[in-house]
C-alpha atoms as a PDB file:
ATOM      1  CA  MET A   1       0.000   0.000   0.000  1.00  0.00           C
ATOM      2  CA  SER A   2       1.560   3.239  -1.087  1.00  0.00           C
ATOM      3  CA  ALA A   3       1.688   6.264   1.156  1.00  0.00           C
ATOM      4  CA  ARG A   4       1.335   8.585  -1.844  1.00  0.00           C
ATOM      5  CA  PHE A   5      -2.443   8.634  -1.679  1.00  0.00           C
ATOM      6  CA  LEU A   6      -2.191  10.253   1.733  1.00  0.00           C
ATOM      7  CA  LEU A   7      -1.130  13.492   0.082  1.00  0.00           C
ATOM      8  CA  PRO A   8      -4.083  15.915   0.058  1.00  0.00           C
ATOM      9  CA  ARG A   9      -5.360  16.747  -3.422  1.00  0.00           C
ATOM     10  CA  ASP A  10      -7.410  19.752  -2.308  1.00  0.00           C
ATOM     11  CA  ARG A  11      -5.110  22.747  -2.748  1.00  0.00           C
ATOM     12  CA  ARG A  12      -7.154  24.747  -0.254  1.00  0.00           C
ATOM     13  CA  ILE A  13      -5.791  22.495   2.454  1.00  0.00           C
ATOM     14  CA  ALA A  14      -2.469  24.304   2.019  1.00  0.00           C
ATOM     15  CA  ILE A  15      -4.053  27.282   3.753  1.00  0.00           C
ATOM     16  CA  PHE A  16      -4.889  25.228   6.816  1.00  0.00           C
ATOM     17  CA  GLY A  17      -1.482  23.571   6.709  1.00  0.00           C
ATOM     18  CA  ALA A  18       0.256  26.952   6.595  1.00  0.00           C
ATOM     19  CA  MET A  19      -1.939  28.207   9.434  1.00  0.00           C
ATOM     20  CA  LEU A  20      -1.056  25.243  11.605  1.00  0.00           C
ATOM     21  CA  VAL A  21       2.650  25.569  10.808  1.00  0.00           C
ATOM     22  CA  VAL A  22       2.601  29.257  11.759  1.00  0.00           C
ATOM     23  CA  ILE A  23       0.870  28.533  15.078  1.00  0.00           C
ATOM     24  CA  VAL A  24       3.148  25.618  15.970  1.00  0.00           C
ATOM     25  CA  ALA A  25       6.315  27.470  14.882  1.00  0.00           C
ATOM     26  CA  GLY A  26       5.239  30.634  16.702  1.00  0.00           C
ATOM     27  CA  SER A  27       4.619  28.710  19.904  1.00  0.00           C
ATOM     28  CA  ALA A  28       7.883  26.786  19.617  1.00  0.00           C
ATOM     29  CA  CYS A  29       9.834  30.002  18.983  1.00  0.00           C
ATOM     30  CA  ALA A  30       8.034  32.058  21.640  1.00  0.00           C
ATOM     31  CA  PRO A  31      11.264  33.256  23.345  1.00  0.00           C
ATOM     32  CA  LEU A  32      12.518  34.541  19.983  1.00  0.00           C
ATOM     33  CA  LEU A  33       9.281  36.310  19.070  1.00  0.00           C
ATOM     34  CA  SER A  34       8.790  38.012  22.425  1.00  0.00           C
ATOM     35  CA  ASN A  35      11.342  38.946  25.061  1.00  0.00           C
ATOM     36  CA  VAL A  36       8.621  39.672  27.605  1.00  0.00           C
ATOM     37  CA  ASP A  37       8.097  37.387  30.593  1.00  0.00           C
ATOM     38  CA  PRO A  38       4.622  35.864  30.106  1.00  0.00           C
ATOM     39  CA  ASN A  39       4.008  36.075  33.868  1.00  0.00           C
ATOM     40  CA  ALA A  40       5.425  39.586  34.358  1.00  0.00           C
ATOM     41  CA  ILE A  41       2.861  41.766  36.155  1.00  0.00           C
ATOM     42  CA  ASP A  42       2.592  45.493  35.323  1.00  0.00           C
ATOM     43  CA  LEU A  43      -0.285  47.096  37.204  1.00  0.00           C
ATOM     44  CA  SER A  44       0.290  50.381  35.375  1.00  0.00           C
ATOM     45  CA  ALA A  45      -0.677  48.743  32.051  1.00  0.00           C
ATOM     46  CA  THR A  46      -3.798  46.771  32.921  1.00  0.00           C
ATOM     47  CA  LEU A  47      -6.507  46.029  30.350  1.00  0.00           C
ATOM     48  CA  GLN A  48      -4.900  47.924  27.495  1.00  0.00           C
ATOM     49  CA  SER A  49      -6.494  47.284  24.113  1.00  0.00           C
ATOM     50  CA  PRO A  50      -4.400  45.806  21.263  1.00  0.00           C
ATOM     51  CA  THR A  51      -1.710  48.172  19.982  1.00  0.00           C
ATOM     52  CA  TRP A  52       1.566  47.913  18.080  1.00  0.00           C
ATOM     53  CA  HIS A  53       3.297  47.560  21.441  1.00  0.00           C
ATOM     54  CA  HIS A  54       0.882  44.919  22.758  1.00  0.00           C
ATOM     55  CA  TRP A  55      -0.525  43.081  19.738  1.00  0.00           C
ATOM     56  CA  PHE A  56      -3.165  41.225  21.748  1.00  0.00           C
ATOM     57  CA  GLY A  57      -3.506  43.855  24.468  1.00  0.00           C
ATOM     58  CA  THR A  58      -2.870  43.278  28.151  1.00  0.00           C
ATOM     59  CA  ASP A  59      -4.868  41.472  30.814  1.00  0.00           C
ATOM     60  CA  GLN A  60      -6.164  42.511  34.227  1.00  0.00           C
ATOM     61  CA  MET A  61      -2.652  42.196  35.680  1.00  0.00           C
ATOM     62  CA  GLY A  62      -0.911  44.045  32.888  1.00  0.00           C
ATOM     63  CA  ARG A  63       0.555  40.897  31.354  1.00  0.00           C
ATOM     64  CA  ASP A  64       1.076  40.830  27.585  1.00  0.00           C
ATOM     65  CA  VAL A  65      -1.670  38.644  26.094  1.00  0.00           C
ATOM     66  CA  PHE A  66       0.235  37.953  22.864  1.00  0.00           C
ATOM     67  CA  THR A  67       3.229  36.620  24.801  1.00  0.00           C
ATOM     68  CA  ARG A  68       0.995  34.534  27.037  1.00  0.00           C
ATOM     69  CA  THR A  69      -0.779  33.153  23.957  1.00  0.00           C
ATOM     70  CA  LEU A  70       2.554  32.058  22.478  1.00  0.00           C
ATOM     71  CA  TYR A  71       3.722  30.419  25.688  1.00  0.00           C
ATOM     72  CA  GLY A  72       0.264  28.963  26.282  1.00  0.00           C
ATOM     73  CA  GLY A  73       0.517  27.368  22.849  1.00  0.00           C
ATOM     74  CA  ARG A  74       3.798  25.730  23.813  1.00  0.00           C
ATOM     75  CA  ILE A  75       2.138  24.101  26.802  1.00  0.00           C
ATOM     76  CA  SER A  76      -1.130  23.183  25.055  1.00  0.00           C
ATOM     77  CA  LEU A  77       0.572  21.783  21.951  1.00  0.00           C
ATOM     78  CA  ALA A  78       3.192  19.884  23.966  1.00  0.00           C
ATOM     79  CA  ILE A  79       0.456  18.218  26.011  1.00  0.00           C
ATOM     80  CA  ALA A  80      -1.552  17.456  22.870  1.00  0.00           C
ATOM     81  CA  PHE A  81       1.338  15.935  20.918  1.00  0.00           C
ATOM     82  CA  CYS A  82       2.527  13.826  23.857  1.00  0.00           C
ATOM     83  CA  ALA A  83      -0.972  12.577  24.666  1.00  0.00           C
ATOM     84  CA  VAL A  84      -1.829  11.818  21.026  1.00  0.00           C
ATOM     85  CA  LEU A  85       1.397   9.894  20.432  1.00  0.00           C
ATOM     86  CA  LEU A  86       0.965   7.861  23.617  1.00  0.00           C
ATOM     87  CA  ALA A  87      -2.721   7.160  22.944  1.00  0.00           C
ATOM     88  CA  GLY A  88      -1.921   6.248  19.354  1.00  0.00           C
ATOM     89  CA  PHE A  89       0.932   3.937  20.292  1.00  0.00           C
ATOM     90  CA  PHE A  90      -0.878   2.004  23.012  1.00  0.00           C
ATOM     91  CA  GLY A  91      -4.198   2.033  21.163  1.00  0.00           C
ATOM     92  CA  ALA A  92      -2.672   0.781  17.917  1.00  0.00           C
ATOM     93  CA  ILE A  93      -0.742  -2.015  19.619  1.00  0.00           C
ATOM     94  CA  ALA A  94      -3.828  -3.026  21.608  1.00  0.00           C
ATOM     95  CA  GLY A  95      -6.015  -3.021  18.491  1.00  0.00           C
ATOM     96  CA  LEU A  96      -3.540  -5.055  16.448  1.00  0.00           C
ATOM     97  CA  MET A  97      -2.997  -7.617  19.197  1.00  0.00           C
ATOM     98  CA  SER A  98      -6.743  -7.856  19.778  1.00  0.00           C
ATOM     99  CA  ALA A  99      -7.426  -8.540  16.093  1.00  0.00           C
ATOM    100  CA  TYR A 100      -4.592 -11.028  15.743  1.00  0.00           C
ATOM    101  CA  ILE A 101      -5.064 -13.011  18.964  1.00  0.00           C
ATOM    102  CA  GLY A 102      -8.882 -12.858  19.022  1.00  0.00           C
ATOM    103  CA  GLY A 103     -10.868 -15.023  21.406  1.00  0.00           C
ATOM    104  CA  ARG A 104     -11.251 -13.978  25.024  1.00  0.00           C
ATOM    105  CA  PHE A 105      -8.483 -11.413  24.780  1.00  0.00           C
ATOM    106  CA  ASP A 106     -10.292  -9.644  21.955  1.00  0.00           C
ATOM    107  CA  ALA A 107     -13.672  -9.838  23.691  1.00  0.00           C
ATOM    108  CA  THR A 108     -12.299  -8.539  26.999  1.00  0.00           C
ATOM    109  CA  LEU A 109     -10.415  -5.667  25.426  1.00  0.00           C
ATOM    110  CA  MET A 110     -13.410  -4.560  23.380  1.00  0.00           C
ATOM    111  CA  ARG A 111     -15.633  -4.635  26.470  1.00  0.00           C
ATOM    112  CA  ILE A 112     -13.145  -2.313  28.171  1.00  0.00           C
ATOM    113  CA  VAL A 113     -13.302   0.006  25.168  1.00  0.00           C
ATOM    114  CA  ASP A 114     -17.115  -0.131  25.196  1.00  0.00           C
ATOM    115  CA  ALA A 115     -17.152   0.777  28.896  1.00  0.00           C
ATOM    116  CA  GLN A 116     -14.876   3.724  28.193  1.00  0.00           C
ATOM    117  CA  TYR A 117     -17.165   4.914  25.396  1.00  0.00           C
ATOM    118  CA  ALA A 118     -20.016   5.127  27.915  1.00  0.00           C
ATOM    119  CA  LEU A 119     -18.524   8.458  29.024  1.00  0.00           C
ATOM    120  CA  PRO A 120     -17.507  11.239  26.618  1.00  0.00           C
ATOM    121  CA  PRO A 121     -13.698  11.684  26.589  1.00  0.00           C
ATOM    122  CA  VAL A 122     -13.837  15.223  28.017  1.00  0.00           C
ATOM    123  CA  PHE A 123     -15.988  14.195  30.980  1.00  0.00           C
ATOM    124  CA  LEU A 124     -13.865  11.099  31.576  1.00  0.00           C
ATOM    125  CA  ALA A 125     -10.730  13.268  31.619  1.00  0.00           C
ATOM    126  CA  MET A 126     -12.378  15.734  34.007  1.00  0.00           C
ATOM    127  CA  LEU A 127     -13.369  12.894  36.312  1.00  0.00           C
ATOM    128  CA  ILE A 128      -9.872  11.393  36.447  1.00  0.00           C
ATOM    129  CA  VAL A 129      -8.085  14.749  36.821  1.00  0.00           C
ATOM    130  CA  GLY A 130     -10.537  15.743  39.530  1.00  0.00           C
ATOM    131  CA  ILE A 131      -9.538  12.618  41.468  1.00  0.00           C
ATOM    132  CA  CYS A 132      -5.786  12.626  40.741  1.00  0.00           C
ATOM    133  CA  GLY A 133      -5.246  16.384  40.843  1.00  0.00           C
ATOM    134  CA  PRO A 134      -4.226  18.827  38.088  1.00  0.00           C
ATOM    135  CA  SER A 135      -0.691  18.749  36.710  1.00  0.00           C
ATOM    136  CA  MET A 136       0.819  18.540  33.241  1.00  0.00           C
ATOM    137  CA  THR A 137       1.836  14.923  33.767  1.00  0.00           C
ATOM    138  CA  ASN A 138      -1.615  13.942  34.993  1.00  0.00           C
ATOM    139  CA  ILE A 139      -3.233  15.751  32.072  1.00  0.00           C
ATOM    140  CA  VAL A 140      -1.126  13.811  29.563  1.00  0.00           C
ATOM    141  CA  ILE A 141      -1.923  10.532  31.328  1.00  0.00           C
ATOM    142  CA  VAL A 142      -5.674  11.087  31.578  1.00  0.00           C
ATOM    143  CA  VAL A 143      -6.005  12.375  28.014  1.00  0.00           C
ATOM    144  CA  THR A 144      -4.102   9.296  26.847  1.00  0.00           C
ATOM    145  CA  LEU A 145      -6.422   7.039  28.847  1.00  0.00           C
ATOM    146  CA  ALA A 146      -9.459   8.844  27.450  1.00  0.00           C
ATOM    147  CA  ASN A 147      -8.417   8.439  23.798  1.00  0.00           C
ATOM    148  CA  TRP A 148      -6.534   5.162  23.357  1.00  0.00           C
ATOM    149  CA  GLY A 149      -9.774   3.226  22.874  1.00  0.00           C
ATOM    150  CA  ARG A 150     -10.599   5.083  19.679  1.00  0.00           C
ATOM    151  CA  PHE A 151      -7.302   4.003  18.124  1.00  0.00           C
ATOM    152  CA  ALA A 152      -7.752   0.447  19.387  1.00  0.00           C
ATOM    153  CA  ARG A 153     -11.250   0.066  17.912  1.00  0.00           C
ATOM    154  CA  ILE A 154     -10.479   1.496  14.462  1.00  0.00           C
ATOM    155  CA  ILE A 155      -7.093  -0.184  14.055  1.00  0.00           C
ATOM    156  CA  ARG A 156      -8.608  -3.495  15.187  1.00  0.00           C
ATOM    157  CA  ALA A 157     -11.353  -3.225  12.560  1.00  0.00           C
ATOM    158  CA  GLU A 158      -8.795  -2.762   9.783  1.00  0.00           C
ATOM    159  CA  ALA A 159      -6.481  -5.453  11.151  1.00  0.00           C
ATOM    160  CA  LEU A 160      -9.353  -7.977  11.165  1.00  0.00           C
ATOM    161  CA  SER A 161      -9.533  -7.680   7.386  1.00  0.00           C
ATOM    162  CA  LEU A 162      -5.785  -8.296   7.108  1.00  0.00           C
ATOM    163  CA  ARG A 163      -5.179 -11.247   9.417  1.00  0.00           C
ATOM    164  CA  GLU A 164      -6.497 -13.836   6.931  1.00  0.00           C
ATOM    165  CA  ARG A 165      -4.379 -12.558   4.062  1.00  0.00           C
ATOM    166  CA  ASP A 166      -1.813 -14.903   2.540  1.00  0.00           C
ATOM    167  CA  PHE A 167       1.219 -13.009   3.820  1.00  0.00           C
ATOM    168  CA  ILE A 168      -0.078 -13.293   7.416  1.00  0.00           C
ATOM    169  CA  LEU A 169      -0.739 -17.027   7.026  1.00  0.00           C
ATOM    170  CA  ILE A 170       2.723 -17.548   5.568  1.00  0.00           C
ATOM    171  CA  ALA A 171       4.287 -15.702   8.505  1.00  0.00           C
ATOM    172  CA  LYS A 172       2.365 -17.956  10.913  1.00  0.00           C
ATOM    173  CA  LEU A 173       3.489 -21.096   9.097  1.00  0.00           C
ATOM    174  CA  ALA A 174       7.068 -19.845   9.258  1.00  0.00           C
ATOM    175  CA  GLY A 175       6.816 -19.806  13.043  1.00  0.00           C
ATOM    176  CA  ALA A 176       6.636 -16.030  13.549  1.00  0.00           C
ATOM    177  CA  THR A 177       5.528 -14.959  17.024  1.00  0.00           C
ATOM    178  CA  PRO A 178       2.356 -12.887  17.422  1.00  0.00           C
ATOM    179  CA  LEU A 179       4.414  -9.816  18.314  1.00  0.00           C
ATOM    180  CA  HIS A 180       6.553 -10.270  15.191  1.00  0.00           C
ATOM    181  CA  VAL A 181       3.485 -10.603  12.972  1.00  0.00           C
ATOM    182  CA  VAL A 182       1.886  -7.525  14.524  1.00  0.00           C
ATOM    183  CA  LEU A 183       4.959  -5.296  14.270  1.00  0.00           C
ATOM    184  CA  ARG A 184       6.400  -6.489  10.956  1.00  0.00           C
ATOM    185  CA  HIS A 185       3.295  -7.340   8.935  1.00  0.00           C
ATOM    186  CA  LEU A 186       0.105  -5.811  10.363  1.00  0.00           C
ATOM    187  CA  LEU A 187       1.429  -2.452  11.576  1.00  0.00           C
ATOM    188  CA  PRO A 188       2.962  -1.346   8.227  1.00  0.00           C
ATOM    189  CA  ASN A 189      -0.364  -2.062   6.520  1.00  0.00           C
ATOM    190  CA  VAL A 190      -2.418   0.113   8.882  1.00  0.00           C
ATOM    191  CA  ARG A 191       0.060   3.008   9.043  1.00  0.00           C
ATOM    192  CA  ASN A 192      -2.007   5.271   6.782  1.00  0.00           C
ATOM    193  CA  THR A 193      -5.097   4.873   8.949  1.00  0.00           C
ATOM    194  CA  PHE A 194      -2.884   5.436  11.978  1.00  0.00           C
ATOM    195  CA  VAL A 195      -1.528   8.726  10.578  1.00  0.00           C
ATOM    196  CA  VAL A 196      -5.049   9.932   9.779  1.00  0.00           C
ATOM    197  CA  LEU A 197      -6.216   9.126  13.308  1.00  0.00           C
ATOM    198  CA  LEU A 198      -3.229  10.942  14.814  1.00  0.00           C
ATOM    199  CA  THR A 199      -3.960  14.073  12.811  1.00  0.00           C
ATOM    200  CA  LEU A 200      -7.670  14.052  13.601  1.00  0.00           C
ATOM    201  CA  ASP A 201      -7.001  13.410  17.281  1.00  0.00           C
ATOM    202  CA  ILE A 202      -4.708  16.415  17.739  1.00  0.00           C
ATOM    203  CA  GLY A 203      -7.620  18.841  17.468  1.00  0.00           C
ATOM    204  CA  LEU A 204      -9.714  16.806  19.900  1.00  0.00           C
ATOM    205  CA  VAL A 205      -6.914  16.610  22.466  1.00  0.00           C
ATOM    206  CA  ILE A 206      -6.151  20.347  22.213  1.00  0.00           C
ATOM    207  CA  PHE A 207      -9.822  21.011  22.851  1.00  0.00           C
ATOM    208  CA  MET A 208      -9.822  18.600  25.800  1.00  0.00           C
ATOM    209  CA  GLU A 209      -6.791  20.301  27.355  1.00  0.00           C
ATOM    210  CA  ALA A 210      -8.413  23.718  26.865  1.00  0.00           C
ATOM    211  CA  ALA A 211     -11.646  22.471  28.459  1.00  0.00           C
ATOM    212  CA  LEU A 212      -9.751  21.120  31.465  1.00  0.00           C
ATOM    213  CA  SER A 213      -7.846  24.391  31.885  1.00  0.00           C
ATOM    214  CA  PHE A 214     -11.050  26.396  31.434  1.00  0.00           C
ATOM    215  CA  VAL A 215     -12.673  24.717  34.450  1.00  0.00           C
ATOM    216  CA  GLY A 216      -9.482  24.885  36.521  1.00  0.00           C
ATOM    217  CA  LEU A 217      -8.431  21.227  36.170  1.00  0.00           C
ATOM    218  CA  GLY A 218      -5.683  21.776  33.612  1.00  0.00           C
ATOM    219  CA  VAL A 219      -2.563  23.923  33.571  1.00  0.00           C
ATOM    220  CA  GLN A 220      -2.436  25.872  36.822  1.00  0.00           C
ATOM    221  CA  PRO A 221      -1.789  29.634  37.157  1.00  0.00           C
ATOM    222  CA  PRO A 222       0.384  31.534  36.659  1.00  0.00           C
ATOM    223  CA  ASP A 223       1.445  29.317  33.737  1.00  0.00           C
ATOM    224  CA  PRO A 224      -0.564  30.297  30.651  1.00  0.00           C
ATOM    225  CA  SER A 225      -2.780  27.987  28.619  1.00  0.00           C
ATOM    226  CA  TRP A 226      -5.374  28.823  26.003  1.00  0.00           C
ATOM    227  CA  GLY A 227      -8.272  27.443  28.009  1.00  0.00           C
ATOM    228  CA  GLY A 228      -7.153  29.203  31.172  1.00  0.00           C
ATOM    229  CA  MET A 229      -6.747  32.519  29.360  1.00  0.00           C
ATOM    230  CA  ILE A 230     -10.245  32.253  27.907  1.00  0.00           C
ATOM    231  CA  ALA A 231     -11.597  31.536  31.385  1.00  0.00           C
ATOM    232  CA  ASP A 232      -9.697  34.484  32.903  1.00  0.00           C
ATOM    233  CA  GLY A 233     -11.174  36.886  30.366  1.00  0.00           C
ATOM    234  CA  ARG A 234     -14.828  35.856  30.607  1.00  0.00           C
ATOM    235  CA  ASN A 235     -15.493  38.422  33.377  1.00  0.00           C
ATOM    236  CA  TYR A 236     -14.167  41.220  31.155  1.00  0.00           C
ATOM    237  CA  LEU A 237     -15.997  40.488  27.896  1.00  0.00           C
ATOM    238  CA  ASP A 238     -17.830  43.827  27.956  1.00  0.00           C
ATOM    239  CA  THR A 239     -14.748  45.966  28.574  1.00  0.00           C
ATOM    240  CA  ALA A 240     -11.794  43.850  27.396  1.00  0.00           C
ATOM    241  CA  TRP A 241     -13.048  41.453  24.721  1.00  0.00           C
ATOM    242  CA  TRP A 242      -9.518  40.640  23.560  1.00  0.00           C
ATOM    243  CA  LEU A 243      -8.682  38.690  26.716  1.00  0.00           C
ATOM    244  CA  SER A 244     -10.846  35.745  25.673  1.00  0.00           C
ATOM    245  CA  ALA A 245     -11.459  36.429  21.982  1.00  0.00           C
ATOM    246  CA  LEU A 246      -7.898  36.469  20.665  1.00  0.00           C
ATOM    247  CA  PRO A 247      -6.591  33.346  22.460  1.00  0.00           C
ATOM    248  CA  GLY A 248      -9.922  31.739  21.545  1.00  0.00           C
ATOM    249  CA  LEU A 249      -9.382  32.519  17.858  1.00  0.00           C
ATOM    250  CA  VAL A 250      -5.928  30.934  17.997  1.00  0.00           C
ATOM    251  CA  LEU A 251      -7.438  27.852  19.655  1.00  0.00           C
ATOM    252  CA  ILE A 252     -10.180  27.634  17.025  1.00  0.00           C
ATOM    253  CA  ALA A 253      -7.669  28.075  14.182  1.00  0.00           C
ATOM    254  CA  THR A 254      -5.474  25.293  15.577  1.00  0.00           C
ATOM    255  CA  VAL A 255      -8.315  22.823  16.057  1.00  0.00           C
ATOM    256  CA  LEU A 256      -9.904  23.690  12.698  1.00  0.00           C
ATOM    257  CA  SER A 257      -6.597  23.379  10.829  1.00  0.00           C
ATOM    258  CA  SER A 258      -5.708  19.991  12.329  1.00  0.00           C
ATOM    259  CA  ASN A 259      -9.220  18.681  11.665  1.00  0.00           C
ATOM    260  CA  ARG A 260      -9.240  19.868   8.064  1.00  0.00           C
ATOM    261  CA  ILE A 261      -5.813  18.341   7.421  1.00  0.00           C
ATOM    262  CA  GLY A 262      -6.962  15.079   8.998  1.00  0.00           C
ATOM    263  CA  GLU A 263     -10.123  15.048   6.883  1.00  0.00           C
ATOM    264  CA  SER A 264      -8.066  15.673   3.742  1.00  0.00           C
ATOM    265  CA  LEU A 265      -5.734  12.802   4.613  1.00  0.00           C
ATOM    266  CA  GLN A 266      -8.753  10.612   5.251  1.00  0.00           C
ATOM    267  CA  ARG A 267     -10.176  11.429   1.822  1.00  0.00           C
ATOM    268  CA  GLY A 268      -6.812  10.554   0.324  1.00  0.00           C
ATOM    269  CA  ALA A 269      -6.769   7.264   2.225  1.00  0.00           C
ATOM    270  CA  ASP A 270     -10.224   6.439   0.890  1.00  0.00           C
ATOM    271  CA  GLY A 271      -9.211   7.434  -2.636  1.00  0.00           C
ATOM    272  CA  VAL A 272     -11.801  10.240  -2.739  1.00  0.00           C
ATOM    273  CA  SER A 273     -11.100  13.839  -3.682  1.00  0.00           C
ATOM    274  CA  ARG A 274     -13.405  16.787  -3.675  1.00  0.00           C
END
């Protein structure tokens, strides 16, 4: 199976790709783009509207909102990428092993996934973080736990159609172990689906992290995060709209871009172009 068909054929997707690259690069290069401390308080410059000096204005403590948005992106994106990679890795391995081994192992694992699906991922993450306490490590762990089942279910479904193929049967007859068959034969044939799932999941995980921070269960002050900044500005919407609106627009652009890229890759994987 060639990876070429994963390339998006819709040229408009380049806009979303460029948008996502700008946001990720801007967040990664935050110290180079702004020499202001994101937590520096200046009570003489509170609630200033956007200007050339403060592109996104300042908040109720005089902190530069643009700088905090950049540094908040570093935290939000780092959490999202770590959680998506972990969920994808464990979910893919679980799905492949479930499809290959079958029997009670498959039935038990799928019942666990079904039980997890009984609660929406965001509420499940809120429940676990509320019990374990908010921290970046806990957020990564709970978001991983809340999303691995999606990878496991979809990868399993595709692997089920592959396990009776001739090359799998030949590997079995040659004495290959289940782990060898999964890693050397099944995994390379589901990689395109795996990449699509990773891309689609980034937007969901960024939203989950923002939701957790919005309700106070995510990144803790004074460290910035997009969800926390939106929550901090909700009491000033009438007088300082930029506090919530501008970080919110960056969040929306990030989620929308990753989703659109994922959808384009999915169309390529299905051999459909618009």
